[in-house]
Amino acid sequence: MNNKKLFASALALSMFFGLTACSSEKPEDTKVVEKKEAKKEEKKEEKKEESTDAVLVREISSKTYTVTIPELTSFYTPSREGLEVKTEVSEQQITYTLEDEFGDFKMAIYVMPISAESAEAYANRINEGFKDDESKQYKPSTVGDFSGFRKVTTSENPSFKCKDNLLLDFENVVMSVTVEQFNDTDTADMEVAMNAILGNMKVEVK
């Protein structure tokens, strides 16, 4: 009889300790699950933060200007096929380069905020230095729905670059958008590219 009681007691104790062990493990398992879930959420957040937008932050006259442009090929398709597109953001500007494999054609686009004054005031100040040469002066012009002051330089020489620069008032800052083309005198793509940039550019001021 005593043996049965001892056996029953031992069995009860083993079950008690077994239950205690199980109950002590549960919080640990929950913590592990919570950590895994937290890591998953962190990874999701990291993926959300990844962006192909070109973002330039520049301070002018005690104000901070943030220029944001989506990935170029998401809103602009060059008429020429097989061009490699590169995007670079420096302290001063956003630069796009489009070039074919053999270097026979190249287009470069530069976007930057340049002044807190008006586009007209900026253009007039530049024009003062070219009073005797109208070809180097900025003149009132439009690109699509955008109006500003523009200077265009072209050449019949294919090896010479063609340059198109537009200054316009954009969210209390003068934005400069320049398109250069090398090794080709067909400039049809230049204005299309400039208009596409203007239509997809966002500027925030703080």
N, C-alpha and C. Protein backbone atom coordinates (compact mmCIF):
# COMPACT_ATOMS: atom_id res chain seq x y z
N MET A 1 0.83 -1.20 0.00
CA MET A 1 0.00 0.00 0.00
C MET A 1 0.86 1.24 0.00
N ASN A 2 1.92 1.19 0.83
CA ASN A 2 2.83 2.33 0.90
C ASN A 2 3.51 2.55 -0.44
N ASN A 3 3.84 1.41 -1.12
CA ASN A 3 4.49 1.54 -2.43
C ASN A 3 3.59 2.24 -3.43
N LYS A 4 2.26 1.88 -3.32
CA LYS A 4 1.31 2.51 -4.25
C LYS A 4 1.22 4.00 -3.99
N LYS A 5 1.22 4.37 -2.69
CA LYS A 5 1.15 5.78 -2.34
C LYS A 5 2.39 6.53 -2.82
N LEU A 6 3.54 5.87 -2.62
CA LEU A 6 4.79 6.51 -3.06
C LEU A 6 4.80 6.68 -4.58
N PHE A 7 4.33 5.66 -5.28
CA PHE A 7 4.29 5.73 -6.74
C PHE A 7 3.36 6.84 -7.21
N ALA A 8 2.18 6.91 -6.53
CA ALA A 8 1.20 7.94 -6.89
C ALA A 8 1.75 9.33 -6.61
N SER A 9 2.46 9.47 -5.50
CA SER A 9 3.06 10.78 -5.16
C SER A 9 4.12 11.17 -6.18
N ALA A 10 4.94 10.17 -6.53
CA ALA A 10 6.01 10.45 -7.51
C ALA A 10 5.43 10.83 -8.85
N LEU A 11 4.35 10.13 -9.22
CA LEU A 11 3.68 10.43 -10.50
C LEU A 11 3.09 11.84 -10.48
N ALA A 12 2.46 12.17 -9.35
CA ALA A 12 1.85 13.50 -9.21
C ALA A 12 2.93 14.58 -9.28
N LEU A 13 4.05 14.35 -8.61
CA LEU A 13 5.15 15.33 -8.63
C LEU A 13 5.73 15.50 -10.03
N SER A 14 5.91 14.38 -10.73
CA SER A 14 6.47 14.46 -12.09
C SER A 14 5.54 15.21 -13.01
N MET A 15 4.22 14.98 -12.86
CA MET A 15 3.24 15.71 -13.67
C MET A 15 3.26 17.20 -13.34
N PHE A 16 3.41 17.51 -12.03
CA PHE A 16 3.44 18.91 -11.59
C PHE A 16 4.63 19.64 -12.21
N PHE A 17 5.82 18.98 -12.07
CA PHE A 17 7.03 19.62 -12.62
C PHE A 17 6.97 19.71 -14.13
N GLY A 18 6.34 18.70 -14.75
CA GLY A 18 6.19 18.72 -16.21
C GLY A 18 5.33 19.88 -16.65
N LEU A 19 4.22 20.08 -15.94
CA LEU A 19 3.33 21.20 -16.25
C LEU A 19 4.01 22.54 -16.00
N THR A 20 4.79 22.59 -14.90
CA THR A 20 5.52 23.82 -14.58
C THR A 20 6.52 24.16 -15.66
N ALA A 21 7.21 23.12 -16.17
CA ALA A 21 8.20 23.33 -17.23
C ALA A 21 7.53 23.82 -18.49
N CYS A 22 6.38 23.19 -18.81
CA CYS A 22 5.65 23.61 -20.02
C CYS A 22 5.18 25.05 -19.91
N SER A 23 4.64 25.38 -18.70
CA SER A 23 4.12 26.73 -18.53
C SER A 23 5.24 27.76 -18.56
N SER A 24 6.44 27.39 -18.09
CA SER A 24 7.56 28.33 -18.11
C SER A 24 8.11 28.51 -19.51
N GLU A 25 7.90 27.49 -20.38
CA GLU A 25 8.40 27.61 -21.76
C GLU A 25 7.50 28.47 -22.62
N LYS A 26 6.23 28.53 -22.31
CA LYS A 26 5.27 29.25 -23.15
C LYS A 26 5.63 30.72 -23.34
N PRO A 27 5.96 31.45 -22.24
CA PRO A 27 6.33 32.86 -22.43
C PRO A 27 7.53 33.01 -23.34
N GLU A 28 8.52 32.08 -23.23
CA GLU A 28 9.70 32.15 -24.09
C GLU A 28 9.31 31.97 -25.55
N ASP A 29 8.42 30.99 -25.81
CA ASP A 29 7.97 30.77 -27.18
C ASP A 29 7.26 32.01 -27.71
N THR A 30 6.45 32.63 -26.87
CA THR A 30 5.73 33.83 -27.27
C THR A 30 6.70 34.95 -27.61
N LYS A 31 7.75 35.09 -26.79
CA LYS A 31 8.75 36.12 -27.05
C LYS A 31 9.45 35.89 -28.38
N VAL A 32 9.78 34.63 -28.64
CA VAL A 32 10.44 34.29 -29.91
C VAL A 32 9.56 34.66 -31.09
N VAL A 33 8.27 34.30 -30.97
CA VAL A 33 7.31 34.61 -32.04
C VAL A 33 7.19 36.11 -32.23
N GLU A 34 7.12 36.84 -31.09
CA GLU A 34 7.01 38.30 -31.16
C GLU A 34 8.23 38.92 -31.84
N LYS A 35 9.41 38.39 -31.52
CA LYS A 35 10.64 38.90 -32.15
C LYS A 35 10.63 38.66 -33.65
N LYS A 36 10.20 37.45 -34.04
CA LYS A 36 10.14 37.12 -35.46
C LYS A 36 9.17 38.05 -36.19
N GLU A 37 8.01 38.28 -35.54
CA GLU A 37 7.01 39.17 -36.14
C GLU A 37 7.55 40.58 -36.26
N ALA A 38 8.30 41.00 -35.22
CA ALA A 38 8.88 42.35 -35.24
C ALA A 38 9.89 42.49 -36.38
N LYS A 39 10.69 41.43 -36.57
CA LYS A 39 11.68 41.45 -37.66
C LYS A 39 11.00 41.51 -39.02
N LYS A 40 9.90 40.75 -39.15
CA LYS A 40 9.15 40.78 -40.41
C LYS A 40 8.63 42.17 -40.69
N GLU A 41 8.10 42.83 -39.64
CA GLU A 41 7.57 44.18 -39.80
C GLU A 41 8.66 45.16 -40.18
N GLU A 42 9.86 44.97 -39.56
CA GLU A 42 11.00 45.83 -39.89
C GLU A 42 11.39 45.68 -41.35
N LYS A 43 11.40 44.43 -41.82
CA LYS A 43 11.75 44.18 -43.22
C LYS A 43 10.73 44.81 -44.15
N LYS A 44 9.44 44.71 -43.76
CA LYS A 44 8.39 45.33 -44.58
C LYS A 44 8.59 46.83 -44.66
N GLU A 45 8.94 47.44 -43.50
CA GLU A 45 9.15 48.89 -43.46
C GLU A 45 10.33 49.27 -44.32
N GLU A 46 11.41 48.46 -44.27
CA GLU A 46 12.60 48.73 -45.08
C GLU A 46 12.25 48.71 -46.56
N LYS A 47 11.43 47.74 -46.97
CA LYS A 47 11.03 47.63 -48.37
C LYS A 47 10.20 48.84 -48.79
N LYS A 48 9.34 49.30 -47.87
CA LYS A 48 8.51 50.46 -48.17
C LYS A 48 9.36 51.69 -48.37
N GLU A 49 10.45 51.81 -47.58
CA GLU A 49 11.30 52.99 -47.64
C GLU A 49 12.16 53.02 -48.90
N GLU A 50 12.40 51.86 -49.50
CA GLU A 50 13.20 51.81 -50.72
C GLU A 50 12.48 52.55 -51.84
N SER A 51 13.21 53.43 -52.53
CA SER A 51 12.58 54.22 -53.58
C SER A 51 13.57 54.47 -54.70
N THR A 52 13.05 54.58 -55.90
CA THR A 52 13.90 54.87 -57.06
C THR A 52 13.81 56.34 -57.43
N ASP A 53 13.08 57.13 -56.61
CA ASP A 53 12.99 58.57 -56.87
C ASP A 53 14.37 59.23 -56.71
N ALA A 54 14.60 60.26 -57.52
CA ALA A 54 15.80 61.09 -57.34
C ALA A 54 15.39 62.24 -56.43
N VAL A 55 16.08 62.40 -55.31
CA VAL A 55 15.72 63.44 -54.34
C VAL A 55 16.94 64.32 -54.06
N LEU A 56 16.78 65.61 -54.30
CA LEU A 56 17.85 66.59 -54.05
C LEU A 56 17.39 67.55 -52.96
N VAL A 57 18.21 67.72 -51.95
CA VAL A 57 17.91 68.68 -50.88
C VAL A 57 18.98 69.76 -50.90
N ARG A 58 18.54 71.01 -51.05
CA ARG A 58 19.50 72.11 -51.17
C ARG A 58 18.99 73.34 -50.41
N GLU A 59 19.90 74.01 -49.72
CA GLU A 59 19.53 75.21 -48.97
C GLU A 59 19.92 76.46 -49.75
N ILE A 60 18.95 77.36 -49.93
CA ILE A 60 19.18 78.63 -50.62
C ILE A 60 18.49 79.73 -49.82
N SER A 61 19.25 80.77 -49.48
CA SER A 61 18.71 81.93 -48.75
C SER A 61 17.92 81.50 -47.51
N SER A 62 18.54 80.65 -46.70
CA SER A 62 17.98 80.19 -45.42
C SER A 62 16.72 79.34 -45.56
N LYS A 63 16.43 78.88 -46.76
CA LYS A 63 15.31 77.97 -46.97
C LYS A 63 15.81 76.65 -47.55
N THR A 64 15.12 75.58 -47.18
CA THR A 64 15.52 74.25 -47.68
C THR A 64 14.55 73.82 -48.77
N TYR A 65 15.10 73.49 -49.94
CA TYR A 65 14.30 73.07 -51.08
C TYR A 65 14.56 71.59 -51.34
N THR A 66 13.49 70.83 -51.40
CA THR A 66 13.60 69.40 -51.70
C THR A 66 12.96 69.14 -53.07
N VAL A 67 13.80 68.71 -54.00
CA VAL A 67 13.34 68.43 -55.36
C VAL A 67 13.24 66.91 -55.52
N THR A 68 12.08 66.45 -55.92
CA THR A 68 11.85 65.01 -56.10
C THR A 68 11.37 64.72 -57.50
N ILE A 69 12.03 63.77 -58.17
CA ILE A 69 11.64 63.35 -59.52
C ILE A 69 11.61 61.82 -59.54
N PRO A 70 10.51 61.22 -60.04
CA PRO A 70 10.45 59.76 -60.12
C PRO A 70 11.52 59.21 -61.07
N GLU A 71 11.67 57.91 -61.06
CA GLU A 71 12.61 57.26 -61.98
C GLU A 71 12.31 57.71 -63.41
N LEU A 72 13.32 58.16 -64.12
CA LEU A 72 13.14 58.80 -65.42
C LEU A 72 12.34 57.95 -66.40
N THR A 73 12.67 56.68 -66.49
CA THR A 73 12.02 55.81 -67.48
C THR A 73 10.57 55.49 -67.12
N SER A 74 10.13 55.91 -65.91
CA SER A 74 8.74 55.67 -65.54
C SER A 74 7.80 56.68 -66.19
N PHE A 75 8.36 57.78 -66.69
CA PHE A 75 7.50 58.79 -67.32
C PHE A 75 8.05 59.33 -68.64
N TYR A 76 9.25 58.91 -69.03
CA TYR A 76 9.83 59.37 -70.29
C TYR A 76 10.45 58.20 -71.04
N THR A 77 10.06 58.05 -72.30
CA THR A 77 10.61 56.99 -73.15
C THR A 77 11.33 57.63 -74.33
N PRO A 78 12.66 57.51 -74.40
CA PRO A 78 13.41 58.09 -75.52
C PRO A 78 12.98 57.46 -76.84
N SER A 79 13.02 58.25 -77.90
CA SER A 79 12.66 57.72 -79.22
C SER A 79 13.72 56.75 -79.72
N ARG A 80 14.93 56.92 -79.25
CA ARG A 80 16.02 56.01 -79.63
C ARG A 80 16.01 54.81 -78.69
N GLU A 81 16.20 53.64 -79.23
CA GLU A 81 16.22 52.42 -78.43
C GLU A 81 17.64 52.08 -78.00
N GLY A 82 17.74 51.28 -76.96
CA GLY A 82 19.04 50.77 -76.53
C GLY A 82 19.89 51.77 -75.76
N LEU A 83 19.27 52.79 -75.17
CA LEU A 83 20.05 53.77 -74.40
C LEU A 83 20.17 53.33 -72.95
N GLU A 84 21.36 53.47 -72.40
CA GLU A 84 21.57 53.20 -70.98
C GLU A 84 21.28 54.49 -70.22
N VAL A 85 20.43 54.39 -69.20
CA VAL A 85 20.04 55.57 -68.43
C VAL A 85 20.69 55.51 -67.05
N LYS A 86 21.36 56.60 -66.69
CA LYS A 86 21.99 56.69 -65.37
C LYS A 86 21.47 57.93 -64.64
N THR A 87 21.32 57.80 -63.33
CA THR A 87 20.85 58.90 -62.49
C THR A 87 21.88 59.19 -61.42
N GLU A 88 22.19 60.46 -61.24
CA GLU A 88 23.15 60.85 -60.20
C GLU A 88 22.61 62.07 -59.46
N VAL A 89 22.69 62.03 -58.13
CA VAL A 89 22.27 63.18 -57.32
C VAL A 89 23.49 63.69 -56.56
N SER A 90 23.87 64.94 -56.86
CA SER A 90 25.00 65.56 -56.15
C SER A 90 24.45 66.60 -55.19
N GLU A 91 25.33 67.39 -54.59
CA GLU A 91 24.87 68.42 -53.66
C GLU A 91 24.14 69.55 -54.39
N GLN A 92 24.43 69.70 -55.68
CA GLN A 92 23.91 70.84 -56.44
C GLN A 92 22.73 70.49 -57.34
N GLN A 93 22.75 69.27 -57.92
CA GLN A 93 21.78 68.98 -58.97
C GLN A 93 21.48 67.50 -59.12
N ILE A 94 20.39 67.25 -59.84
CA ILE A 94 20.05 65.89 -60.28
C ILE A 94 20.48 65.78 -61.74
N THR A 95 21.22 64.74 -62.06
CA THR A 95 21.74 64.56 -63.42
C THR A 95 21.29 63.22 -63.99
N TYR A 96 20.77 63.27 -65.21
CA TYR A 96 20.43 62.05 -65.95
C TYR A 96 21.32 62.00 -67.19
N THR A 97 21.84 60.83 -67.49
CA THR A 97 22.57 60.65 -68.74
C THR A 97 21.97 59.47 -69.49
N LEU A 98 21.77 59.66 -70.78
CA LEU A 98 21.23 58.62 -71.66
C LEU A 98 22.24 58.44 -72.79
N GLU A 99 22.78 57.24 -72.91
CA GLU A 99 23.87 57.03 -73.87
C GLU A 99 23.75 55.65 -74.50
N ASP A 100 24.08 55.59 -75.79
CA ASP A 100 24.04 54.28 -76.43
C ASP A 100 25.33 53.52 -76.15
N GLU A 101 25.33 52.26 -76.53
CA GLU A 101 26.44 51.35 -76.19
C GLU A 101 27.77 51.80 -76.78
N PHE A 102 27.72 52.42 -77.97
CA PHE A 102 28.95 52.77 -78.67
C PHE A 102 29.35 54.23 -78.49
N GLY A 103 28.59 54.99 -77.74
CA GLY A 103 28.93 56.39 -77.50
C GLY A 103 28.66 57.29 -78.69
N ASP A 104 27.84 56.81 -79.64
CA ASP A 104 27.52 57.63 -80.81
C ASP A 104 26.46 58.68 -80.50
N PHE A 105 25.71 58.46 -79.41
CA PHE A 105 24.68 59.42 -79.02
C PHE A 105 24.67 59.55 -77.51
N LYS A 106 24.51 60.79 -77.06
CA LYS A 106 24.43 61.02 -75.62
C LYS A 106 23.54 62.23 -75.34
N MET A 107 22.67 62.08 -74.35
CA MET A 107 21.87 63.19 -73.87
C MET A 107 22.07 63.31 -72.36
N ALA A 108 22.20 64.54 -71.89
CA ALA A 108 22.36 64.78 -70.46
C ALA A 108 21.30 65.79 -70.02
N ILE A 109 20.69 65.53 -68.86
CA ILE A 109 19.66 66.42 -68.31
C ILE A 109 20.08 66.82 -66.90
N TYR A 110 20.06 68.13 -66.64
CA TYR A 110 20.45 68.65 -65.33
C TYR A 110 19.29 69.43 -64.73
N VAL A 111 18.96 69.14 -63.48
CA VAL A 111 17.86 69.81 -62.79
C VAL A 111 18.37 70.34 -61.46
N MET A 112 18.17 71.65 -61.22
CA MET A 112 18.62 72.20 -59.93
C MET A 112 17.92 73.51 -59.58
N PRO A 113 17.69 73.73 -58.29
CA PRO A 113 17.23 75.04 -57.84
C PRO A 113 18.43 75.97 -57.78
N ILE A 114 18.27 77.21 -58.25
CA ILE A 114 19.44 78.08 -58.35
C ILE A 114 19.31 79.41 -57.63
N SER A 115 18.07 79.86 -57.34
CA SER A 115 17.94 81.18 -56.75
C SER A 115 16.57 81.36 -56.11
N ALA A 116 16.52 82.23 -55.11
CA ALA A 116 15.24 82.53 -54.47
C ALA A 116 14.57 83.74 -55.12
N GLU A 117 15.28 84.40 -56.06
CA GLU A 117 14.68 85.52 -56.79
C GLU A 117 13.82 85.00 -57.93
N SER A 118 13.25 85.89 -58.72
CA SER A 118 12.41 85.45 -59.83
C SER A 118 13.26 85.00 -61.01
N ALA A 119 12.65 84.19 -61.89
CA ALA A 119 13.36 83.73 -63.09
C ALA A 119 13.71 84.91 -63.99
N GLU A 120 12.80 85.87 -64.07
CA GLU A 120 13.05 87.05 -64.91
C GLU A 120 14.24 87.86 -64.39
N ALA A 121 14.29 88.07 -63.09
CA ALA A 121 15.40 88.82 -62.49
C ALA A 121 16.72 88.09 -62.71
N TYR A 122 16.70 86.78 -62.56
CA TYR A 122 17.92 85.99 -62.76
C TYR A 122 18.36 86.06 -64.23
N ALA A 123 17.41 85.90 -65.16
CA ALA A 123 17.74 85.94 -66.59
C ALA A 123 18.28 87.31 -66.98
N ASN A 124 17.66 88.38 -66.48
CA ASN A 124 18.12 89.74 -66.81
C ASN A 124 19.53 89.98 -66.30
N ARG A 125 19.82 89.46 -65.13
CA ARG A 125 21.16 89.62 -64.57
C ARG A 125 22.20 88.92 -65.44
N ILE A 126 21.87 87.73 -65.93
CA ILE A 126 22.79 87.00 -66.82
C ILE A 126 22.91 87.74 -68.16
N ASN A 127 21.80 88.24 -68.65
CA ASN A 127 21.79 88.91 -69.95
C ASN A 127 22.64 90.19 -69.97
N GLU A 128 22.81 90.79 -68.82
CA GLU A 128 23.63 92.01 -68.74
C GLU A 128 25.05 91.76 -69.27
N GLY A 129 25.51 90.57 -69.10
CA GLY A 129 26.87 90.25 -69.55
C GLY A 129 26.96 89.91 -71.03
N PHE A 130 25.79 89.83 -71.71
CA PHE A 130 25.77 89.48 -73.14
C PHE A 130 24.92 90.48 -73.94
N LYS A 131 25.09 91.76 -73.64
CA LYS A 131 24.29 92.79 -74.31
C LYS A 131 24.53 92.83 -75.81
N ASP A 132 25.74 92.50 -76.23
CA ASP A 132 26.10 92.58 -77.65
C ASP A 132 25.92 91.26 -78.40
N ASP A 133 25.44 90.24 -77.72
CA ASP A 133 25.28 88.93 -78.37
C ASP A 133 23.95 88.33 -77.94
N GLU A 134 22.91 88.55 -78.73
CA GLU A 134 21.58 88.05 -78.38
C GLU A 134 21.49 86.54 -78.35
N SER A 135 22.36 85.88 -79.09
CA SER A 135 22.32 84.42 -79.14
C SER A 135 22.66 83.80 -77.78
N LYS A 136 23.28 84.58 -76.90
CA LYS A 136 23.66 84.07 -75.58
C LYS A 136 22.74 84.59 -74.48
N GLN A 137 21.66 85.24 -74.89
CA GLN A 137 20.73 85.81 -73.92
C GLN A 137 19.54 84.88 -73.67
N TYR A 138 19.01 84.97 -72.46
CA TYR A 138 17.77 84.28 -72.13
C TYR A 138 16.60 85.12 -72.64
N LYS A 139 15.59 84.43 -73.21
CA LYS A 139 14.41 85.13 -73.74
C LYS A 139 13.14 84.44 -73.24
N PRO A 140 12.06 85.20 -73.09
CA PRO A 140 10.80 84.57 -72.65
C PRO A 140 10.42 83.43 -73.58
N SER A 141 10.02 82.30 -73.01
CA SER A 141 9.71 81.13 -73.82
C SER A 141 8.82 80.18 -73.04
N THR A 142 8.25 79.22 -73.73
CA THR A 142 7.42 78.20 -73.09
C THR A 142 7.88 76.81 -73.51
N VAL A 143 7.66 75.87 -72.59
CA VAL A 143 7.87 74.45 -72.87
C VAL A 143 6.62 73.74 -72.37
N GLY A 144 5.80 73.27 -73.29
CA GLY A 144 4.53 72.67 -72.88
C GLY A 144 3.67 73.71 -72.19
N ASP A 145 3.26 73.41 -70.96
CA ASP A 145 2.43 74.33 -70.17
C ASP A 145 3.26 75.25 -69.28
N PHE A 146 4.58 75.18 -69.39
CA PHE A 146 5.45 75.93 -68.50
C PHE A 146 6.08 77.13 -69.21
N SER A 147 6.09 78.26 -68.53
CA SER A 147 6.67 79.49 -69.09
C SER A 147 7.86 79.93 -68.26
N GLY A 148 8.87 80.44 -68.95
CA GLY A 148 10.05 80.92 -68.24
C GLY A 148 10.95 81.68 -69.19
N PHE A 149 12.23 81.60 -68.93
CA PHE A 149 13.23 82.27 -69.76
C PHE A 149 14.21 81.22 -70.24
N ARG A 150 14.45 81.23 -71.54
CA ARG A 150 15.11 80.10 -72.17
C ARG A 150 16.25 80.55 -73.07
N LYS A 151 17.30 79.74 -73.07
CA LYS A 151 18.43 79.98 -73.98
C LYS A 151 18.75 78.66 -74.68
N VAL A 152 18.72 78.70 -76.02
CA VAL A 152 18.97 77.50 -76.82
C VAL A 152 20.20 77.73 -77.69
N THR A 153 21.10 76.78 -77.66
CA THR A 153 22.31 76.84 -78.50
C THR A 153 22.39 75.57 -79.32
N THR A 154 22.41 75.71 -80.64
CA THR A 154 22.50 74.53 -81.51
C THR A 154 23.66 74.71 -82.48
N SER A 155 23.99 73.64 -83.16
CA SER A 155 25.10 73.69 -84.11
C SER A 155 24.86 72.70 -85.24
N GLU A 156 25.34 73.03 -86.40
CA GLU A 156 25.25 72.11 -87.54
C GLU A 156 26.33 71.04 -87.47
N ASN A 157 27.29 71.26 -86.60
CA ASN A 157 28.39 70.31 -86.45
C ASN A 157 27.95 69.18 -85.52
N PRO A 158 27.83 67.96 -86.00
CA PRO A 158 27.33 66.84 -85.19
C PRO A 158 28.14 66.57 -83.93
N SER A 159 29.43 66.93 -83.95
CA SER A 159 30.28 66.66 -82.78
C SER A 159 30.10 67.71 -81.70
N PHE A 160 29.40 68.80 -82.03
CA PHE A 160 29.18 69.87 -81.06
C PHE A 160 27.89 69.62 -80.30
N LYS A 161 27.86 70.00 -79.04
CA LYS A 161 26.65 69.76 -78.24
C LYS A 161 25.59 70.81 -78.53
N CYS A 162 24.34 70.39 -78.49
CA CYS A 162 23.20 71.29 -78.56
C CYS A 162 22.69 71.45 -77.13
N LYS A 163 22.43 72.68 -76.73
CA LYS A 163 22.08 72.95 -75.33
C LYS A 163 20.79 73.75 -75.24
N ASP A 164 19.90 73.31 -74.37
CA ASP A 164 18.60 73.96 -74.15
C ASP A 164 18.42 74.15 -72.65
N ASN A 165 18.34 75.41 -72.21
CA ASN A 165 18.22 75.70 -70.78
C ASN A 165 17.00 76.57 -70.51
N LEU A 166 16.16 76.13 -69.57
CA LEU A 166 14.96 76.88 -69.19
C LEU A 166 15.03 77.24 -67.72
N LEU A 167 14.79 78.53 -67.44
CA LEU A 167 14.68 79.02 -66.07
C LEU A 167 13.21 79.30 -65.81
N LEU A 168 12.66 78.81 -64.71
CA LEU A 168 11.25 79.08 -64.44
C LEU A 168 11.00 79.20 -62.94
N ASP A 169 9.99 79.98 -62.60
CA ASP A 169 9.59 80.12 -61.20
C ASP A 169 8.80 78.87 -60.80
N PHE A 170 9.26 78.21 -59.75
CA PHE A 170 8.64 76.95 -59.34
C PHE A 170 8.66 76.86 -57.82
N GLU A 171 7.50 77.03 -57.19
CA GLU A 171 7.38 76.95 -55.73
C GLU A 171 8.39 77.88 -55.03
N ASN A 172 8.35 79.16 -55.38
CA ASN A 172 9.17 80.19 -54.73
C ASN A 172 10.68 79.98 -54.91
N VAL A 173 11.05 79.33 -55.97
CA VAL A 173 12.47 79.17 -56.28
C VAL A 173 12.62 79.14 -57.80
N VAL A 174 13.76 79.60 -58.28
CA VAL A 174 14.04 79.49 -59.72
C VAL A 174 14.65 78.11 -59.97
N MET A 175 13.97 77.34 -60.79
CA MET A 175 14.49 76.03 -61.17
C MET A 175 15.15 76.14 -62.54
N SER A 176 16.29 75.52 -62.67
CA SER A 176 16.99 75.45 -63.95
C SER A 176 16.93 74.01 -64.45
N VAL A 177 16.39 73.86 -65.66
CA VAL A 177 16.35 72.54 -66.30
C VAL A 177 17.12 72.66 -67.62
N THR A 178 18.17 71.89 -67.74
CA THR A 178 19.03 71.97 -68.92
C THR A 178 19.10 70.60 -69.60
N VAL A 179 18.99 70.61 -70.91
CA VAL A 179 19.15 69.38 -71.69
C VAL A 179 20.27 69.61 -72.69
N GLU A 180 21.24 68.73 -72.69
CA GLU A 180 22.34 68.78 -73.65
C GLU A 180 22.34 67.51 -74.49
N GLN A 181 22.66 67.67 -75.74
CA GLN A 181 22.72 66.51 -76.64
C GLN A 181 24.03 66.55 -77.41
N PHE A 182 24.66 65.41 -77.54
CA PHE A 182 25.96 65.32 -78.19
C PHE A 182 25.89 64.39 -79.40
N ASN A 183 26.67 64.73 -80.41
CA ASN A 183 26.85 63.87 -81.59
C ASN A 183 25.58 63.66 -82.41
N ASP A 184 24.64 64.57 -82.33
CA ASP A 184 23.42 64.45 -83.13
C ASP A 184 22.73 65.81 -83.20
N THR A 185 22.43 66.26 -84.40
CA THR A 185 21.79 67.57 -84.56
C THR A 185 20.27 67.49 -84.57
N ASP A 186 19.70 66.27 -84.51
CA ASP A 186 18.26 66.12 -84.42
C ASP A 186 17.86 66.36 -82.96
N THR A 187 17.29 67.53 -82.69
CA THR A 187 17.03 67.93 -81.31
C THR A 187 15.57 67.69 -80.88
N ALA A 188 14.83 66.90 -81.63
CA ALA A 188 13.41 66.69 -81.33
C ALA A 188 13.19 66.12 -79.93
N ASP A 189 14.07 65.26 -79.49
CA ASP A 189 13.92 64.63 -78.18
C ASP A 189 14.19 65.58 -77.02
N MET A 190 14.94 66.63 -77.29
CA MET A 190 15.38 67.50 -76.19
C MET A 190 14.20 68.18 -75.49
N GLU A 191 13.30 68.76 -76.27
CA GLU A 191 12.16 69.45 -75.67
C GLU A 191 11.19 68.46 -75.05
N VAL A 192 11.06 67.29 -75.65
CA VAL A 192 10.18 66.25 -75.09
C VAL A 192 10.69 65.84 -73.71
N ALA A 193 12.00 65.65 -73.61
CA ALA A 193 12.60 65.26 -72.33
C ALA A 193 12.43 66.36 -71.29
N MET A 194 12.65 67.61 -71.70
CA MET A 194 12.51 68.73 -70.77
C MET A 194 11.07 68.85 -70.27
N ASN A 195 10.12 68.74 -71.17
CA ASN A 195 8.71 68.84 -70.80
C ASN A 195 8.31 67.72 -69.84
N ALA A 196 8.84 66.52 -70.08
CA ALA A 196 8.55 65.37 -69.22
C ALA A 196 9.08 65.61 -67.80
N ILE A 197 10.28 66.17 -67.71
CA ILE A 197 10.88 66.47 -66.41
C ILE A 197 10.03 67.50 -65.67
N LEU A 198 9.66 68.56 -66.36
CA LEU A 198 8.88 69.63 -65.74
C LEU A 198 7.54 69.12 -65.20
N GLY A 199 6.93 68.23 -65.96
CA GLY A 199 5.62 67.71 -65.57
C GLY A 199 5.65 66.73 -64.42
N ASN A 200 6.84 66.21 -64.08
CA ASN A 200 6.95 65.21 -63.02
C ASN A 200 7.83 65.64 -61.85
N MET A 201 8.25 66.89 -61.88
CA MET A 201 9.12 67.42 -60.84
C MET A 201 8.28 68.02 -59.70
N LYS A 202 8.65 67.70 -58.47
CA LYS A 202 7.98 68.27 -57.30
C LYS A 202 9.01 69.01 -56.45
N VAL A 203 8.62 70.17 -55.94
CA VAL A 203 9.52 70.97 -55.11
C VAL A 203 8.82 71.33 -53.81
N GLU A 204 9.43 71.01 -52.69
CA GLU A 204 8.91 71.37 -51.37
C GLU A 204 9.83 72.38 -50.74
N VAL A 205 9.24 73.37 -50.06
CA VAL A 205 10.03 74.44 -49.43
C VAL A 205 9.79 74.45 -47.93
N LYS A 206 10.86 74.53 -47.16
CA LYS A 206 10.73 74.63 -45.69
C LYS A 206 11.64 75.75 -45.18
